[in-house]
Protein backbone atom coordinates (compact mmCIF):
# COMPACT_ATOMS: atom_id res chain seq x y z
CA UNK A 1 137.08 92.56 123.24
CA UNK A 2 135.99 96.34 121.94
CA UNK A 3 132.54 97.22 123.89
CA UNK A 4 129.72 97.17 121.18
CA UNK A 5 127.44 101.12 122.44
CA UNK A 6 123.61 99.81 123.41
CA UNK A 7 121.97 101.12 120.45
CA UNK A 8 120.49 104.08 122.04
CA UNK A 9 124.55 105.35 122.43
CA UNK A 10 124.66 104.61 118.46
CA UNK A 11 120.92 106.41 117.50
CA UNK A 12 122.59 109.52 119.34
CA UNK A 13 126.21 109.27 117.34
CA UNK A 14 124.71 108.79 113.64
CA UNK A 15 123.25 110.93 111.38
CA UNK A 16 120.41 109.37 110.65
CA UNK A 17 117.17 111.00 111.19
CA UNK A 18 114.14 108.00 111.58
CA UNK A 19 110.90 109.59 110.40
CA UNK A 20 107.75 107.84 112.32
CA UNK A 21 104.61 108.75 110.38
CA UNK A 22 101.52 108.16 112.63
CA UNK A 23 97.61 109.24 110.52
CA UNK A 24 94.46 108.49 111.95
CA UNK A 25 91.35 110.57 112.24
CA UNK A 26 91.05 113.37 115.24
CA UNK A 27 91.18 111.56 118.56
CA UNK A 28 92.04 107.99 117.86
CA UNK A 29 94.40 107.67 119.68
CA UNK A 30 97.17 107.85 117.66
CA UNK A 31 100.03 110.16 120.30
CA UNK A 32 99.15 107.14 122.72
CA UNK A 33 100.78 104.36 120.62
CA UNK A 34 104.16 106.27 119.99
CA UNK A 35 104.44 106.91 123.67
CA UNK A 36 106.86 103.61 124.58
CA UNK A 37 109.56 105.23 121.57
CA UNK A 38 108.91 108.62 123.37
CA UNK A 39 109.31 106.71 126.93
CA UNK A 40 112.13 104.82 125.99
CA UNK A 41 114.52 107.21 123.89
CA UNK A 42 113.38 110.04 125.70
CA UNK A 43 113.25 113.80 124.52
CA UNK A 44 116.99 114.14 124.14
CA UNK A 45 116.55 112.19 120.78
CA UNK A 46 112.77 112.24 119.93
CA UNK A 47 110.95 115.01 118.95
CA UNK A 48 106.97 115.17 117.65
CA UNK A 49 105.35 116.85 114.79
CA UNK A 50 101.37 117.19 115.82
CA UNK A 51 100.30 117.74 112.19
CA UNK A 52 97.70 120.34 112.84
CA UNK A 53 99.92 123.05 112.88
CA UNK A 54 99.76 122.57 109.78
CA UNK A 55 96.35 123.58 108.86
CA UNK A 56 95.49 126.71 106.26
CA UNK A 57 92.92 128.17 108.01
CA UNK A 58 91.69 128.98 111.44
CA UNK A 59 88.75 127.38 113.15
CA UNK A 60 86.39 130.29 111.88
CA UNK A 61 87.83 130.39 108.27
CA UNK A 62 87.35 126.89 107.93
CA UNK A 63 83.54 127.68 108.62
CA UNK A 64 82.99 130.18 106.04
CA UNK A 65 84.67 127.99 103.56
CA UNK A 66 82.45 124.96 104.48
CA UNK A 67 86.29 123.30 104.53
CA UNK A 68 87.14 120.79 107.03
CA UNK A 69 90.78 119.56 108.07
CA UNK A 70 90.30 116.99 106.32
CA UNK A 71 90.38 117.49 103.59
CA UNK A 72 94.07 117.74 102.00
CA UNK A 73 92.97 121.26 101.24
CA UNK A 74 92.55 122.87 104.82
CA UNK A 75 96.01 122.26 105.10
CA UNK A 76 99.83 123.36 103.79
CA UNK A 77 101.12 119.78 103.20
CA UNK A 78 103.44 121.49 100.72
CA UNK A 79 105.14 123.23 103.86
CA UNK A 80 104.79 120.06 105.64
CA UNK A 81 107.30 118.04 102.78
CA UNK A 82 110.05 121.39 102.99
CA UNK A 83 110.37 121.05 106.63
CA UNK A 84 110.20 117.12 107.10
CA UNK A 85 113.18 117.40 104.03
CA UNK A 86 115.11 119.57 106.55
CA UNK A 87 114.09 118.00 109.63
CA UNK A 88 115.67 114.84 108.19
CA UNK A 89 118.44 116.30 106.58
CA UNK A 90 119.22 117.46 110.55
CA UNK A 91 118.06 121.16 109.62
CA UNK A 92 116.65 123.30 112.24
CA UNK A 93 113.04 124.45 111.15
CA UNK A 94 110.28 127.09 112.26
CA UNK A 95 107.67 125.72 112.91
CA UNK A 96 103.92 126.71 112.59
CA UNK A 97 101.64 126.43 115.85
CA UNK A 98 98.29 125.69 115.72
CA UNK A 99 95.84 126.72 118.72
CA UNK A 100 93.51 124.29 120.08
CA UNK A 101 91.80 126.28 122.06
CA UNK A 102 91.13 129.12 120.26
CA UNK A 103 91.06 127.87 117.60
CA UNK A 104 93.52 130.01 115.57
CA UNK A 105 98.12 130.79 114.66
CA UNK A 106 99.78 130.91 118.08
CA UNK A 107 103.44 132.95 116.46
CA UNK A 108 105.73 130.06 114.74
CA UNK A 109 108.51 128.38 117.18
CA UNK A 110 112.39 127.24 115.83
CA UNK A 111 112.10 123.88 115.98
CA UNK A 112 115.69 121.60 116.65
CA UNK A 113 115.41 118.45 114.28
CA UNK A 114 116.00 115.06 116.67
CA UNK A 115 117.38 112.28 115.52
CA UNK A 116 113.31 110.41 115.42
CA UNK A 117 111.08 112.52 114.55
CA UNK A 118 107.65 111.57 115.02
CA UNK A 119 104.91 112.82 113.13
CA UNK A 120 101.37 112.71 114.03
CA UNK A 121 98.11 114.12 111.90
CA UNK A 122 95.36 113.60 109.44
CA UNK A 123 97.82 113.38 106.55
CA UNK A 124 100.79 112.17 107.79
CA UNK A 125 101.66 109.66 104.62
CA UNK A 126 99.67 111.12 102.17
CA UNK A 127 101.57 112.32 99.51
CA UNK A 128 104.05 110.86 97.68
CA UNK A 129 106.78 113.05 99.00
CA UNK A 130 104.95 112.02 102.82
CA UNK A 131 106.09 108.59 102.01
CA UNK A 132 109.54 108.92 100.60
CA UNK A 133 110.51 110.84 104.18
CA UNK A 134 108.78 108.55 106.35
CA UNK A 135 111.15 105.30 107.63
CA UNK A 136 107.87 103.78 109.35
CA UNK A 137 104.53 104.32 109.26
CA UNK A 138 101.21 103.56 111.46
CA UNK A 139 97.74 103.64 111.01
CA UNK A 140 95.35 104.22 114.14
CA UNK A 141 92.12 102.59 113.19
CA UNK A 142 89.46 102.64 116.12
CA UNK A 143 86.23 101.40 115.03
CA UNK A 144 83.30 104.55 114.61
CA UNK A 145 81.84 103.92 118.28
CA UNK A 146 85.15 104.13 120.07
CA UNK A 147 86.72 106.97 117.81
CA UNK A 148 83.60 109.59 118.66
CA UNK A 149 83.22 108.87 122.06
CA UNK A 150 86.72 109.89 122.50
CA UNK A 151 86.40 112.81 120.39
CA UNK A 152 83.80 114.29 122.27
CA UNK A 153 85.75 113.69 124.99
CA UNK A 154 88.59 115.16 124.24
CA UNK A 155 87.12 118.40 122.22
CA UNK A 156 84.91 119.01 124.99
CA UNK A 157 86.98 118.33 127.74
CA UNK A 158 90.39 120.03 126.29
CA UNK A 159 89.63 122.01 123.27
CA UNK A 160 86.70 124.59 124.36
CA UNK A 161 84.17 122.89 121.54
CA UNK A 162 80.46 122.36 123.33
CA UNK A 163 78.43 118.70 123.08
CA UNK A 164 76.24 120.71 119.88
CA UNK A 165 79.40 121.70 117.59
CA UNK A 166 81.54 118.82 118.20
CA UNK A 167 78.25 116.45 116.68
CA UNK A 168 77.95 118.98 113.69
CA UNK A 169 81.80 118.54 113.10
CA UNK A 170 81.42 114.68 113.68
CA UNK A 171 78.80 114.66 110.79
CA UNK A 172 80.41 117.05 108.73
CA UNK A 173 83.98 115.40 108.86
CA UNK A 174 82.33 111.26 107.87
CA UNK A 175 83.08 112.43 103.62
CA UNK A 176 85.97 113.58 103.87
CA UNK A 177 87.48 111.01 105.94
CA UNK A 178 86.29 108.21 104.01
CA UNK A 179 87.85 110.33 100.70
CA UNK A 180 90.94 110.81 102.00
CA UNK A 181 91.91 109.59 105.31
CA UNK A 182 91.29 106.07 105.78
CA UNK A 183 93.22 105.07 102.25
CA UNK A 184 95.91 105.67 104.28
CA UNK A 185 95.19 102.37 106.07
CA UNK A 186 96.40 101.18 102.66
CA UNK A 187 99.83 102.87 103.00
CA UNK A 188 101.28 101.19 106.64
CA UNK A 189 103.24 99.65 107.55
CA UNK A 190 101.31 98.76 110.07
CA UNK A 191 97.76 99.36 111.11
CA UNK A 192 96.24 99.50 114.59
CA UNK A 193 92.73 98.43 114.94
CA UNK A 194 90.55 99.52 118.59
CA UNK A 195 87.47 97.82 119.22
CA UNK A 196 85.04 97.30 122.48
CA UNK A 197 86.44 94.58 124.70
CA UNK A 198 84.87 91.25 124.63
CA UNK A 199 85.31 91.43 127.80
CA UNK A 200 82.94 94.27 128.57
CA UNK A 201 81.70 97.28 126.74
CA UNK A 202 81.76 99.69 129.63
CA UNK A 203 85.53 98.62 130.31
CA UNK A 204 86.71 101.14 127.74
CA UNK A 205 84.99 104.12 129.20
CA UNK A 206 85.78 102.79 133.27
CA UNK A 207 88.97 100.93 132.70
CA UNK A 208 90.44 101.78 129.54
CA UNK A 209 90.22 97.95 128.78
CA UNK A 210 89.68 97.13 124.61
CA UNK A 211 90.43 94.70 121.77
CA UNK A 212 93.32 96.04 120.43
CA UNK A 213 94.74 94.23 117.05
CA UNK A 214 98.17 94.91 115.01
CA UNK A 215 98.11 94.32 111.93
CA UNK A 216 101.37 93.75 110.00
CA UNK A 217 103.20 92.45 106.51
CA UNK A 218 105.86 89.76 106.99
CA UNK A 219 108.69 90.44 107.87
CA UNK A 220 110.83 90.07 105.10
CA UNK A 221 113.95 90.27 108.13
CA UNK A 222 114.71 89.07 111.79
CA UNK A 223 116.56 89.78 114.24
CA UNK A 224 118.36 86.83 114.20
CA UNK A 225 118.45 86.95 118.63
CA UNK A 226 115.42 89.17 119.53
CA UNK A 227 113.28 87.64 121.41
CA UNK A 228 109.70 88.59 122.23
CA UNK A 229 108.77 86.14 124.88
CA UNK A 230 105.77 86.21 126.72
CA UNK A 231 105.99 84.70 130.34
CA UNK A 232 103.26 81.50 129.82
CA UNK A 233 104.49 80.08 133.22
CA UNK A 234 103.47 83.32 135.22
CA UNK A 235 99.81 83.20 132.79
CA UNK A 236 99.48 79.80 133.99
CA UNK A 237 100.00 80.21 137.40
CA UNK A 238 99.08 83.26 138.98
CA UNK A 239 97.39 85.16 136.58
CA UNK A 240 94.07 86.35 138.34
CA UNK A 241 92.53 89.03 135.08
CA UNK A 242 90.67 87.51 131.54
CA UNK A 243 93.10 87.91 128.84
CA UNK A 244 92.98 86.86 125.81
CA UNK A 245 95.78 86.84 122.47
CA UNK A 246 94.40 85.41 119.35
CA UNK A 247 96.57 85.44 115.80
CA UNK A 248 94.90 85.74 112.10
CA UNK A 249 94.77 87.44 109.13
CA UNK A 250 92.22 90.17 108.41
CA UNK A 251 91.76 92.26 105.55
CA UNK A 252 92.64 95.79 105.69
CA UNK A 253 90.86 98.09 102.75
CA UNK A 254 92.74 97.25 99.59
CA UNK A 255 94.94 94.01 101.29
CA UNK A 256 95.00 91.13 103.44
CA UNK A 257 97.46 91.63 107.01
CA UNK A 258 98.43 89.81 109.73
CA UNK A 259 96.69 90.54 113.24
CA UNK A 260 98.27 90.19 116.44
CA UNK A 261 94.94 90.60 118.94
CA UNK A 262 95.15 91.32 122.91
CA UNK A 263 92.01 92.09 125.10
CA UNK A 264 92.07 92.33 128.53
CA UNK A 265 94.60 92.37 130.96
CA UNK A 266 97.84 91.10 132.27
CA UNK A 267 100.04 90.37 135.16
CA UNK A 268 102.88 92.83 134.48
CA UNK A 269 105.71 90.38 134.98
CA UNK A 270 104.08 87.96 132.12
CA UNK A 271 105.41 90.53 129.74
CA UNK A 272 108.15 91.88 131.40
CA UNK A 273 110.72 89.42 129.47
CA UNK A 274 109.62 90.85 126.63
CA UNK A 275 110.80 94.31 128.13
CA UNK A 276 113.64 92.74 129.32
CA UNK A 277 114.72 92.31 125.49
CA UNK A 278 114.08 95.89 124.21
CA UNK A 279 116.23 96.83 126.90
CA UNK A 280 118.89 94.46 125.55
CA UNK A 281 118.73 95.57 121.95
CA UNK A 282 118.47 99.20 122.94
CA UNK A 283 120.85 99.26 125.81
CA UNK A 284 117.93 101.33 128.15
CA UNK A 285 117.91 100.10 131.80
CA UNK A 286 115.51 99.93 132.93
CA UNK A 287 112.73 100.86 130.58
CA UNK A 288 110.10 102.08 132.93
CA UNK A 289 106.79 102.40 130.51
CA UNK A 290 104.95 100.18 133.54
CA UNK A 291 106.74 101.55 136.13
CA UNK A 292 104.83 100.20 139.55
CA UNK A 293 102.46 98.38 137.41
CA UNK A 294 100.78 95.30 138.68
CA UNK A 295 99.24 94.86 135.60
CA UNK A 296 99.29 96.14 131.48
CA UNK A 297 96.40 96.53 129.41
CA UNK A 298 96.17 95.33 125.27
CA UNK A 299 96.73 98.93 124.57
CA UNK A 300 99.84 98.95 126.68
CA UNK A 301 101.27 95.37 125.38
CA UNK A 302 100.88 96.89 121.39
CA UNK A 303 102.52 100.20 122.62
CA UNK A 304 105.89 97.52 123.97
CA UNK A 305 105.80 94.96 120.44
CA UNK A 306 105.15 98.03 118.28
CA UNK A 307 107.99 99.53 119.61
CA UNK A 308 109.78 96.55 119.02
CA UNK A 309 108.88 96.83 115.58
CA UNK A 310 109.71 100.21 115.23
CA UNK A 311 113.58 99.53 116.51
CA UNK A 312 113.60 96.05 114.59
CA UNK A 313 113.48 98.79 110.87
CA UNK A 314 115.40 101.42 112.60
CA UNK A 315 118.08 98.96 113.54
CA UNK A 316 118.54 97.36 109.45
CA UNK A 317 117.99 100.91 108.52
CA UNK A 318 121.61 101.31 110.65
CA UNK A 319 123.27 98.39 109.22
CA UNK A 320 122.87 99.97 105.94
CA UNK A 321 124.04 102.86 106.19
């Protein structure tokens, strides 16, 4: 029989450029949930664009104009649309660069198209044209208290803001978030909801343990031999951590979606079969996302399942080409 190349090799040979869009508020954890895709396929195939680079004004100009980055008028979305369209056609672009430490713009840089482009930002699928260009969309939606705790920590430690500046920015942003950012939840293929763990609110800050829901629409097509096994034998016999799994139907802004919710920690071996299934589909051996880890948290598990869902979408695009 002729050799069937692994899916990673198929992607590398394919002319298709697959665009993943991740939207959500600043500091909401957008990068976290696509880390698995970056690790599975590697930097040769995956490139990431942070939409903050498409801010229209620097920090001082925004203060003078009394406009927040969450307002679409503060961003060059038309340029973003053109750049994503060119990348999707396989062309390189010259990308702007926003420097968060100085709050100003650095010189633009060359940016080469890859087979998988990840867009992360506030307005990722805000316009109809961006939605046309994106093949799979995710909205990351942490509870308000959690989101702003993350933002305070990031902006004071990594972006040079004072605590007073962060508090003022949070207050100024709230109206624009509700008007311009939150409605994108209705446009997403998947919504990731993050709330405090039922096993202790403090576990988020001390152990990075949260209650994570992956909300999706019913899948119209499935891969017949896809194995999404969680090893219940391992869970029942060897598990010594608190962990819960729940399936429900929940309201998300304008509609209802199916929610798969995880909380707590699992022993790594419990989900090893799920990891092997993704290895088999992608041809990437081994997937080292959880290498040398004895336990994984709900955040880790949702990363893995979301990656499978994205790969699933990419496989069907390949079948249509």
